[in-house]
Structures are given as structure tokens and as C-alpha cells.
Amino acid sequence: MYREEIVLKIKPLFSDYLEKGGFVLVDLRFFKARGELIFEVLIDRSEGGITLDECTRLNRELGNVLDASGYIQESYAL
């Protein structure tokens, strides 16, 4: 699956999940670096900011969303 296809499939999943918690998906990038798949997710709130604890929690939760999607079969960093 090409990078653009993966982003097009995952972006709505992440957006929907984040919006339920009051967050906004600002950007999503997918690339390979040093042989590792990397998802770079930029998240914010429509008002206010996001805390480090929220980043940690959302990283774990979005990883679960990504795993459940079945779109990525290899290991990745989020």
C-alpha cells in the first residue's frame, strides 16, 4: 500500500477518534526512516492546548486504533 493510500485510510479513523475526545487532528505524516515506519501525528485542541500526559495517552490509544484497522502489518513508531 502506498503512503498516500495509507494516510487517506487512517486520517479519518484518527480524526473521528480524536474529535470524540475534544481534540483536533492537525496533520498526519507517514514515512520510512532508517528502515522503520513512522507515523507523525500532530494533535491540538480547538481551544487551549494539549498536555504531555494527553500526548502519552493519545499515542497509546491511536496505536490501538491503528492496530485494529489492520492497515499496517509491520512494526511502526507513532
PDB file of N, CA and C in Angstrom:
ATOM      1  N   MET A   1       0.850  -1.179   0.000  1.00  0.00           N
ATOM      2  CA  MET A   1       0.000   0.000   0.000  1.00  0.00           C
ATOM      3  C   MET A   1       0.898   1.246   0.000  1.00  0.00           C
ATOM      4  N   TYR A   2       0.585   2.208  -0.826  1.00  0.00           N
ATOM      5  CA  TYR A   2       1.391   3.417  -0.927  1.00  0.00           C
ATOM      6  C   TYR A   2       1.133   4.339   0.256  1.00  0.00           C
ATOM      7  N   ARG A   3       2.081   5.191   0.525  1.00  0.00           N
ATOM      8  CA  ARG A   3       1.981   6.109   1.663  1.00  0.00           C
ATOM      9  C   ARG A   3       0.715   6.948   1.625  1.00  0.00           C
ATOM     10  N   GLU A   4       0.412   7.496   0.456  1.00  0.00           N
ATOM     11  CA  GLU A   4      -0.765   8.361   0.338  1.00  0.00           C
ATOM     12  C   GLU A   4      -2.044   7.581   0.632  1.00  0.00           C
ATOM     13  N   GLU A   5      -2.100   6.337   0.163  1.00  0.00           N
ATOM     14  CA  GLU A   5      -3.271   5.497   0.421  1.00  0.00           C
ATOM     15  C   GLU A   5      -3.435   5.233   1.911  1.00  0.00           C
ATOM     16  N   ILE A   6      -2.331   4.937   2.559  1.00  0.00           N
ATOM     17  CA  ILE A   6      -2.375   4.655   3.998  1.00  0.00           C
ATOM     18  C   ILE A   6      -2.863   5.879   4.757  1.00  0.00           C
ATOM     19  N   VAL A   7      -2.317   7.038   4.438  1.00  0.00           N
ATOM     20  CA  VAL A   7      -2.735   8.273   5.115  1.00  0.00           C
ATOM     21  C   VAL A   7      -4.214   8.535   4.858  1.00  0.00           C
ATOM     22  N   LEU A   8      -4.672   8.339   3.625  1.00  0.00           N
ATOM     23  CA  LEU A   8      -6.088   8.573   3.307  1.00  0.00           C
ATOM     24  C   LEU A   8      -7.017   7.637   4.069  1.00  0.00           C
ATOM     25  N   LYS A   9      -6.569   6.434   4.370  1.00  0.00           N
ATOM     26  CA  LYS A   9      -7.387   5.488   5.114  1.00  0.00           C
ATOM     27  C   LYS A   9      -7.344   5.743   6.618  1.00  0.00           C
ATOM     28  N   ILE A  10      -6.191   6.131   7.119  1.00  0.00           N
ATOM     29  CA  ILE A  10      -6.013   6.280   8.567  1.00  0.00           C
ATOM     30  C   ILE A  10      -6.477   7.644   9.078  1.00  0.00           C
ATOM     31  N   LYS A  11      -6.314   8.667   8.277  1.00  0.00           N
ATOM     32  CA  LYS A  11      -6.666  10.022   8.712  1.00  0.00           C
ATOM     33  C   LYS A  11      -8.105  10.121   9.232  1.00  0.00           C
ATOM     34  N   PRO A  12      -9.111   9.591   8.518  1.00  0.00           N
ATOM     35  CA  PRO A  12     -10.477   9.677   9.052  1.00  0.00           C
ATOM     36  C   PRO A  12     -10.663   8.885  10.346  1.00  0.00           C
ATOM     37  N   LEU A  13      -9.971   7.756  10.481  1.00  0.00           N
ATOM     38  CA  LEU A  13     -10.057   6.976  11.721  1.00  0.00           C
ATOM     39  C   LEU A  13      -9.546   7.787  12.902  1.00  0.00           C
ATOM     40  N   PHE A  14      -8.375   8.390  12.721  1.00  0.00           N
ATOM     41  CA  PHE A  14      -7.787   9.196  13.780  1.00  0.00           C
ATOM     42  C   PHE A  14      -8.636  10.437  14.066  1.00  0.00           C
ATOM     43  N   SER A  15      -9.088  11.112  13.008  1.00  0.00           N
ATOM     44  CA  SER A  15      -9.896  12.325  13.190  1.00  0.00           C
ATOM     45  C   SER A  15     -11.151  12.036  13.992  1.00  0.00           C
ATOM     46  N   ASP A  16     -11.870  10.988  13.613  1.00  0.00           N
ATOM     47  CA  ASP A  16     -13.101  10.632  14.319  1.00  0.00           C
ATOM     48  C   ASP A  16     -12.828  10.310  15.775  1.00  0.00           C
ATOM     49  N   TYR A  17     -11.792   9.525  16.023  1.00  0.00           N
ATOM     50  CA  TYR A  17     -11.453   9.149  17.393  1.00  0.00           C
ATOM     51  C   TYR A  17     -11.100  10.385  18.227  1.00  0.00           C
ATOM     52  N   LEU A  18     -10.276  11.252  17.673  1.00  0.00           N
ATOM     53  CA  LEU A  18      -9.821  12.433  18.404  1.00  0.00           C
ATOM     54  C   LEU A  18     -10.952  13.418  18.667  1.00  0.00           C
ATOM     55  N   GLU A  19     -11.823  13.610  17.698  1.00  0.00           N
ATOM     56  CA  GLU A  19     -12.927  14.559  17.855  1.00  0.00           C
ATOM     57  C   GLU A  19     -13.837  14.172  18.996  1.00  0.00           C
ATOM     58  N   LYS A  20     -14.021  12.881  19.228  1.00  0.00           N
ATOM     59  CA  LYS A  20     -14.851  12.419  20.347  1.00  0.00           C
ATOM     60  C   LYS A  20     -14.287  12.863  21.688  1.00  0.00           C
ATOM     61  N   GLY A  21     -12.979  13.058  21.752  1.00  0.00           N
ATOM     62  CA  GLY A  21     -12.335  13.489  22.988  1.00  0.00           C
ATOM     63  C   GLY A  21     -12.063  14.979  23.048  1.00  0.00           C
ATOM     64  N   GLY A  22     -12.546  15.719  22.058  1.00  0.00           N
ATOM     65  CA  GLY A  22     -12.347  17.162  22.057  1.00  0.00           C
ATOM     66  C   GLY A  22     -11.034  17.619  21.451  1.00  0.00           C
ATOM     67  N   PHE A  23     -10.385  16.736  20.705  1.00  0.00           N
ATOM     68  CA  PHE A  23      -9.113  17.065  20.076  1.00  0.00           C
ATOM     69  C   PHE A  23      -9.298  17.245  18.571  1.00  0.00           C
ATOM     70  N   VAL A  24      -8.283  17.833  17.944  1.00  0.00           N
ATOM     71  CA  VAL A  24      -8.297  18.064  16.504  1.00  0.00           C
ATOM     72  C   VAL A  24      -7.028  17.463  15.907  1.00  0.00           C
ATOM     73  N   LEU A  25      -7.197  16.706  14.824  1.00  0.00           N
ATOM     74  CA  LEU A  25      -6.041  16.198  14.095  1.00  0.00           C
ATOM     75  C   LEU A  25      -5.550  17.320  13.185  1.00  0.00           C
ATOM     76  N   VAL A  26      -4.356  17.826  13.471  1.00  0.00           N
ATOM     77  CA  VAL A  26      -3.794  18.930  12.701  1.00  0.00           C
ATOM     78  C   VAL A  26      -3.099  18.403  11.447  1.00  0.00           C
ATOM     79  N   ASP A  27      -2.332  17.330  11.597  1.00  0.00           N
ATOM     80  CA  ASP A  27      -1.604  16.778  10.462  1.00  0.00           C
ATOM     81  C   ASP A  27      -1.235  15.328  10.757  1.00  0.00           C
ATOM     82  N   LEU A  28      -1.079  14.552   9.711  1.00  0.00           N
ATOM     83  CA  LEU A  28      -0.664  13.160   9.813  1.00  0.00           C
ATOM     84  C   LEU A  28       0.314  12.896   8.689  1.00  0.00           C
ATOM     85  N   ARG A  29       1.511  12.460   9.052  1.00  0.00           N
ATOM     86  CA  ARG A  29       2.530  12.104   8.057  1.00  0.00           C
ATOM     87  C   ARG A  29       2.938  10.661   8.268  1.00  0.00           C
ATOM     88  N   PHE A  30       3.283  10.007   7.195  1.00  0.00           N
ATOM     89  CA  PHE A  30       3.722   8.619   7.228  1.00  0.00           C
ATOM     90  C   PHE A  30       4.962   8.521   6.352  1.00  0.00           C
ATOM     91  N   PHE A  31       6.048   8.020   6.919  1.00  0.00           N
ATOM     92  CA  PHE A  31       7.281   7.899   6.150  1.00  0.00           C
ATOM     93  C   PHE A  31       8.146   6.784   6.730  1.00  0.00           C
ATOM     94  N   LYS A  32       9.201   6.482   6.031  1.00  0.00           N
ATOM     95  CA  LYS A  32      10.141   5.460   6.468  1.00  0.00           C
ATOM     96  C   LYS A  32      11.473   6.130   6.743  1.00  0.00           C
ATOM     97  N   ALA A  33      12.050   5.840   7.898  1.00  0.00           N
ATOM     98  CA  ALA A  33      13.350   6.402   8.271  1.00  0.00           C
ATOM     99  C   ALA A  33      14.182   5.294   8.911  1.00  0.00           C
ATOM    100  N   ARG A  34      15.367   5.126   8.407  1.00  0.00           N
ATOM    101  CA  ARG A  34      16.283   4.092   8.915  1.00  0.00           C
ATOM    102  C   ARG A  34      15.613   2.722   8.957  1.00  0.00           C
ATOM    103  N   GLY A  35      14.798   2.451   7.945  1.00  0.00           N
ATOM    104  CA  GLY A  35      14.144   1.163   7.841  1.00  0.00           C
ATOM    105  C   GLY A  35      12.917   0.979   8.722  1.00  0.00           C
ATOM    106  N   GLU A  36      12.503   2.020   9.425  1.00  0.00           N
ATOM    107  CA  GLU A  36      11.353   1.928  10.324  1.00  0.00           C
ATOM    108  C   GLU A  36      10.199   2.782   9.804  1.00  0.00           C
ATOM    109  N   LEU A  37       8.989   2.239   9.870  1.00  0.00           N
ATOM    110  CA  LEU A  37       7.801   3.017   9.502  1.00  0.00           C
ATOM    111  C   LEU A  37       7.479   3.983  10.629  1.00  0.00           C
ATOM    112  N   ILE A  38       7.231   5.220  10.269  1.00  0.00           N
ATOM    113  CA  ILE A  38       6.965   6.266  11.261  1.00  0.00           C
ATOM    114  C   ILE A  38       5.650   6.956  10.917  1.00  0.00           C
ATOM    115  N   PHE A  39       4.794   7.087  11.908  1.00  0.00           N
ATOM    116  CA  PHE A  39       3.590   7.908  11.802  1.00  0.00           C
ATOM    117  C   PHE A  39       3.804   9.114  12.690  1.00  0.00           C
ATOM    118  N   GLU A  40       3.741  10.284  12.100  1.00  0.00           N
ATOM    119  CA  GLU A  40       3.882  11.535  12.856  1.00  0.00           C
ATOM    120  C   GLU A  40       2.500  12.174  12.910  1.00  0.00           C
ATOM    121  N   VAL A  41       1.973  12.296  14.111  1.00  0.00           N
ATOM    122  CA  VAL A  41       0.620  12.796  14.307  1.00  0.00           C
ATOM    123  C   VAL A  41       0.693  14.099  15.099  1.00  0.00           C
ATOM    124  N   LEU A  42       0.119  15.159  14.529  1.00  0.00           N
ATOM    125  CA  LEU A  42       0.061  16.445  15.218  1.00  0.00           C
ATOM    126  C   LEU A  42      -1.373  16.673  15.676  1.00  0.00           C
ATOM    127  N   ILE A  43      -1.533  16.861  16.978  1.00  0.00           N
ATOM    128  CA  ILE A  43      -2.854  16.981  17.596  1.00  0.00           C
ATOM    129  C   ILE A  43      -2.898  18.255  18.430  1.00  0.00           C
ATOM    130  N   ASP A  44      -4.069  18.858  18.480  1.00  0.00           N
ATOM    131  CA  ASP A  44      -4.277  20.038  19.323  1.00  0.00           C
ATOM    132  C   ASP A  44      -5.728  20.028  19.783  1.00  0.00           C
ATOM    133  N   ARG A  45      -6.091  20.997  20.529  1.00  0.00           N
ATOM    134  CA  ARG A  45      -7.480  21.226  20.912  1.00  0.00           C
ATOM    135  C   ARG A  45      -7.961  22.441  20.139  1.00  0.00           C
ATOM    136  N   SER A  46      -9.258  22.511  19.898  1.00  0.00           N
ATOM    137  CA  SER A  46      -9.770  23.688  19.202  1.00  0.00           C
ATOM    138  C   SER A  46      -9.576  24.929  20.066  1.00  0.00           C
ATOM    139  N   GLU A  47      -9.617  24.744  21.375  1.00  0.00           N
ATOM    140  CA  GLU A  47      -9.311  25.843  22.302  1.00  0.00           C
ATOM    141  C   GLU A  47      -8.405  25.307  23.390  1.00  0.00           C
ATOM    142  N   GLY A  48      -7.407  26.068  23.721  1.00  0.00           N
ATOM    143  CA  GLY A  48      -6.466  25.623  24.742  1.00  0.00           C
ATOM    144  C   GLY A  48      -5.306  24.895  24.109  1.00  0.00           C
ATOM    145  N   GLY A  49      -4.730  24.015  24.866  1.00  0.00           N
ATOM    146  CA  GLY A  49      -3.589  23.255  24.365  1.00  0.00           C
ATOM    147  C   GLY A  49      -3.721  21.804  24.759  1.00  0.00           C
ATOM    148  N   ILE A  50      -2.661  21.088  24.565  1.00  0.00           N
ATOM    149  CA  ILE A  50      -2.641  19.669  24.888  1.00  0.00           C
ATOM    150  C   ILE A  50      -1.472  19.421  25.840  1.00  0.00           C
ATOM    151  N   THR A  51      -1.700  18.608  26.840  1.00  0.00           N
ATOM    152  CA  THR A  51      -0.662  18.351  27.842  1.00  0.00           C
ATOM    153  C   THR A  51       0.191  17.159  27.434  1.00  0.00           C
ATOM    154  N   LEU A  52       1.318  17.016  28.083  1.00  0.00           N
ATOM    155  CA  LEU A  52       2.197  15.879  27.826  1.00  0.00           C
ATOM    156  C   LEU A  52       1.498  14.575  28.201  1.00  0.00           C
ATOM    157  N   ASP A  53       0.747  14.575  29.299  1.00  0.00           N
ATOM    158  CA  ASP A  53       0.010  13.379  29.696  1.00  0.00           C
ATOM    159  C   ASP A  53      -1.017  12.987  28.635  1.00  0.00           C
ATOM    160  N   GLU A  54      -1.672  13.971  28.056  1.00  0.00           N
ATOM    161  CA  GLU A  54      -2.633  13.688  26.986  1.00  0.00           C
ATOM    162  C   GLU A  54      -1.922  13.127  25.756  1.00  0.00           C
ATOM    163  N   CYS A  55      -0.763  13.664  25.430  1.00  0.00           N
ATOM    164  CA  CYS A  55       0.024  13.145  24.297  1.00  0.00           C
ATOM    165  C   CYS A  55       0.387  11.681  24.520  1.00  0.00           C
ATOM    166  N   THR A  56       0.807  11.363  25.719  1.00  0.00           N
ATOM    167  CA  THR A  56       1.177   9.992  26.054  1.00  0.00           C
ATOM    168  C   THR A  56      -0.023   9.066  25.925  1.00  0.00           C
ATOM    169  N   ARG A  57      -1.148   9.470  26.479  1.00  0.00           N
ATOM    170  CA  ARG A  57      -2.366   8.659  26.429  1.00  0.00           C
ATOM    171  C   ARG A  57      -2.848   8.484  24.994  1.00  0.00           C
ATOM    172  N   LEU A  58      -2.873   9.585  24.239  1.00  0.00           N
ATOM    173  CA  LEU A  58      -3.351   9.525  22.855  1.00  0.00           C
ATOM    174  C   LEU A  58      -2.426   8.696  21.971  1.00  0.00           C
ATOM    175  N   ASN A  59      -1.142   8.720  22.239  1.00  0.00           N
ATOM    176  CA  ASN A  59      -0.204   7.893  21.486  1.00  0.00           C
ATOM    177  C   ASN A  59      -0.573   6.418  21.639  1.00  0.00           C
ATOM    178  N   ARG A  60      -0.837   6.021  22.861  1.00  0.00           N
ATOM    179  CA  ARG A  60      -1.217   4.635  23.136  1.00  0.00           C
ATOM    180  C   ARG A  60      -2.565   4.302  22.485  1.00  0.00           C
ATOM    181  N   GLU A  61      -3.537   5.190  22.648  1.00  0.00           N
ATOM    182  CA  GLU A  61      -4.876   4.954  22.114  1.00  0.00           C
ATOM    183  C   GLU A  61      -4.889   4.939  20.579  1.00  0.00           C
ATOM    184  N   LEU A  62      -4.176   5.860  19.960  1.00  0.00           N
ATOM    185  CA  LEU A  62      -4.130   5.876  18.492  1.00  0.00           C
ATOM    186  C   LEU A  62      -3.390   4.659  17.954  1.00  0.00           C
ATOM    187  N   GLY A  63      -2.419   4.175  18.705  1.00  0.00           N
ATOM    188  CA  GLY A  63      -1.751   2.930  18.332  1.00  0.00           C
ATOM    189  C   GLY A  63      -2.744   1.772  18.309  1.00  0.00           C
ATOM    190  N   ASN A  64      -3.634   1.746  19.291  1.00  0.00           N
ATOM    191  CA  ASN A  64      -4.673   0.705  19.324  1.00  0.00           C
ATOM    192  C   ASN A  64      -5.626   0.846  18.142  1.00  0.00           C
ATOM    193  N   VAL A  65      -5.992   2.087  17.808  1.00  0.00           N
ATOM    194  CA  VAL A  65      -6.866   2.331  16.656  1.00  0.00           C
ATOM    195  C   VAL A  65      -6.184   1.854  15.374  1.00  0.00           C
ATOM    196  N   LEU A  66      -4.915   2.179  15.231  1.00  0.00           N
ATOM    197  CA  LEU A  66      -4.162   1.785  14.049  1.00  0.00           C
ATOM    198  C   LEU A  66      -4.032   0.261  13.960  1.00  0.00           C
ATOM    199  N   ASP A  67      -3.735  -0.377  15.081  1.00  0.00           N
ATOM    200  CA  ASP A  67      -3.614  -1.836  15.092  1.00  0.00           C
ATOM    201  C   ASP A  67      -4.940  -2.496  14.720  1.00  0.00           C
ATOM    202  N   ALA A  68      -6.029  -1.983  15.257  1.00  0.00           N
ATOM    203  CA  ALA A  68      -7.353  -2.558  14.996  1.00  0.00           C
ATOM    204  C   ALA A  68      -7.774  -2.375  13.539  1.00  0.00           C
ATOM    205  N   SER A  69      -7.237  -1.350  12.882  1.00  0.00           N
ATOM    206  CA  SER A  69      -7.618  -1.091  11.488  1.00  0.00           C
ATOM    207  C   SER A  69      -7.127  -2.187  10.552  1.00  0.00           C
ATOM    208  N   GLY A  70      -6.011  -2.811  10.897  1.00  0.00           N
ATOM    209  CA  GLY A  70      -5.447  -3.851  10.046  1.00  0.00           C
ATOM    210  C   GLY A  70      -4.726  -3.331   8.814  1.00  0.00           C
ATOM    211  N   TYR A  71      -4.570  -2.015   8.686  1.00  0.00           N
ATOM    212  CA  TYR A  71      -3.918  -1.441   7.510  1.00  0.00           C
ATOM    213  C   TYR A  71      -2.407  -1.621   7.514  1.00  0.00           C
ATOM    214  N   ILE A  72      -1.821  -1.731   8.699  1.00  0.00           N
ATOM    215  CA  ILE A  72      -0.367  -1.851   8.810  1.00  0.00           C
ATOM    216  C   ILE A  72      -0.047  -3.218   9.409  1.00  0.00           C
ATOM    217  N   GLN A  73       0.733  -3.996   8.687  1.00  0.00           N
ATOM    218  CA  GLN A  73       1.082  -5.335   9.144  1.00  0.00           C
ATOM    219  C   GLN A  73       2.489  -5.404   9.740  1.00  0.00           C
ATOM    220  N   GLU A  74       3.292  -4.373   9.514  1.00  0.00           N
ATOM    221  CA  GLU A  74       4.643  -4.380  10.047  1.00  0.00           C
ATOM    222  C   GLU A  74       4.742  -3.465  11.261  1.00  0.00           C
ATOM    223  N   SER A  75       5.845  -3.533  11.963  1.00  0.00           N
ATOM    224  CA  SER A  75       6.014  -2.689  13.141  1.00  0.00           C
ATOM    225  C   SER A  75       6.195  -1.236  12.703  1.00  0.00           C
ATOM    226  N   TYR A  76       5.839  -0.330  13.586  1.00  0.00           N
ATOM    227  CA  TYR A  76       5.903   1.096  13.284  1.00  0.00           C
ATOM    228  C   TYR A  76       6.145   1.876  14.561  1.00  0.00           C
ATOM    229  N   ALA A  77       6.496   3.130  14.405  1.00  0.00           N
ATOM    230  CA  ALA A  77       6.621   4.059  15.534  1.00  0.00           C
ATOM    231  C   ALA A  77       5.559   5.128  15.331  1.00  0.00           C
ATOM    232  N   LEU A  78       4.932   5.512  16.430  1.00  0.00           N
ATOM    233  CA  LEU A  78       3.868   6.513  16.378  1.00  0.00           C
ATOM    234  C   LEU A  78       4.287   7.704  17.202  1.00  0.00           C
TER     235      LEU A  78
END
